[in-house]
Amino acid sequence: PKLNVRRAVLTRSGIADIFRQALIPEHVDFVSIDVDSVDVWLLHGLLSGGYRPRVISVEFNPNFLLHQRITCQEEWHPWTGRSV
């Protein structure tokens, strides 16, 4: 299979455009998001940008209860080598 590897800074407002530039179809079979911070915002951007993956894998934190709606701020910060 042919690989289509790219390097990009993804944001909620730009993720769908970057997917389109990479020729990823809107009804792609599988999308995995695991960036240790703005996961939910990237998913929101992808879905609001018209993408409808058949299967989605998004990182979650099991330390929070199901009814708690907790996420990181939308603003992305470069990795500093530590999570805090």
Protein backbone atom coordinates (compact mmCIF):
# COMPACT_ATOMS: atom_id res chain seq x y z
CA PRO A 1 0.00 0.00 0.00
CA LYS A 2 1.07 3.56 -0.71
CA LEU A 3 1.71 5.74 2.35
CA ASN A 4 0.83 9.43 2.42
CA VAL A 5 2.90 10.82 5.30
CA ARG A 6 2.87 14.54 6.04
CA ARG A 7 4.04 16.82 8.80
CA ALA A 8 1.65 19.59 9.86
CA VAL A 9 0.50 21.55 12.88
CA LEU A 10 -3.16 20.68 13.25
CA THR A 11 -5.77 23.07 14.63
CA ARG A 12 -9.55 22.89 14.86
CA SER A 13 -9.89 25.49 12.11
CA GLY A 14 -7.36 23.86 9.78
CA ILE A 15 -7.52 20.09 10.19
CA ALA A 16 -10.19 19.48 7.52
CA ASP A 17 -8.28 21.57 4.97
CA ILE A 18 -5.06 19.69 5.68
CA PHE A 19 -6.90 16.38 5.25
CA ARG A 20 -8.29 17.61 1.92
CA GLN A 21 -4.84 18.73 0.75
CA ALA A 22 -3.60 15.21 1.57
CA LEU A 23 -6.47 13.83 -0.56
CA ILE A 24 -8.05 12.02 2.38
CA PRO A 25 -11.69 11.26 1.50
CA GLU A 26 -14.43 12.71 3.73
CA HIS A 27 -15.78 9.20 4.37
CA VAL A 28 -12.41 7.74 5.37
CA ASP A 29 -12.53 4.35 7.12
CA PHE A 30 -10.45 5.15 10.24
CA VAL A 31 -9.12 8.23 12.05
CA SER A 32 -7.04 8.10 15.24
CA ILE A 33 -6.42 11.28 17.26
CA ASP A 34 -3.90 11.14 20.12
CA VAL A 35 -2.05 14.39 20.73
CA ASP A 36 -2.15 14.64 24.56
CA SER A 37 -3.99 17.95 24.69
CA VAL A 38 -6.32 19.28 21.99
CA ASP A 39 -7.81 15.93 20.89
CA VAL A 40 -11.44 16.98 21.30
CA TRP A 41 -10.89 20.24 19.41
CA LEU A 42 -9.28 18.42 16.48
CA LEU A 43 -12.16 15.95 16.38
CA HIS A 44 -14.65 18.81 16.44
CA GLY A 45 -12.82 20.55 13.58
CA LEU A 46 -12.69 17.38 11.53
CA LEU A 47 -16.41 16.67 11.95
CA SER A 48 -17.50 20.28 11.42
CA GLY A 49 -15.28 20.33 8.32
CA GLY A 50 -17.45 17.64 6.73
CA TYR A 51 -15.46 14.51 7.58
CA ARG A 52 -17.37 11.40 8.64
CA PRO A 53 -14.95 8.59 9.48
CA ARG A 54 -16.51 5.15 9.83
CA VAL A 55 -14.41 4.50 12.97
CA ILE A 56 -12.82 7.10 15.27
CA SER A 57 -10.25 6.49 18.01
CA VAL A 58 -9.71 9.42 20.39
CA GLU A 59 -7.59 9.40 23.53
CA PHE A 60 -9.41 9.81 26.83
CA ASN A 61 -8.40 10.10 30.48
CA PRO A 62 -9.95 7.40 32.71
CA ASN A 63 -9.26 9.48 35.84
CA PHE A 64 -12.41 11.51 35.16
CA LEU A 65 -15.97 10.23 35.56
CA LEU A 66 -18.18 9.81 32.47
CA HIS A 67 -20.48 12.72 33.37
CA GLN A 68 -17.56 15.16 33.80
CA ARG A 69 -16.89 17.24 30.69
CA ILE A 70 -13.25 18.20 31.02
CA THR A 71 -10.83 19.10 28.24
CA CYS A 72 -7.72 21.17 27.65
CA GLN A 73 -7.98 24.69 26.34
CA GLU A 74 -8.27 24.90 22.58
CA GLU A 75 -5.03 26.84 22.18
CA TRP A 76 -2.25 24.49 21.16
CA HIS A 77 1.20 24.75 22.75
CA PRO A 78 4.36 23.10 21.41
CA TRP A 79 5.59 20.00 23.23
CA THR A 80 8.15 20.82 25.92
CA GLY A 81 9.14 17.26 26.75
CA ARG A 82 6.77 16.99 29.71
CA SER A 83 3.02 16.78 30.14
CA VAL A 84 2.67 19.52 32.77
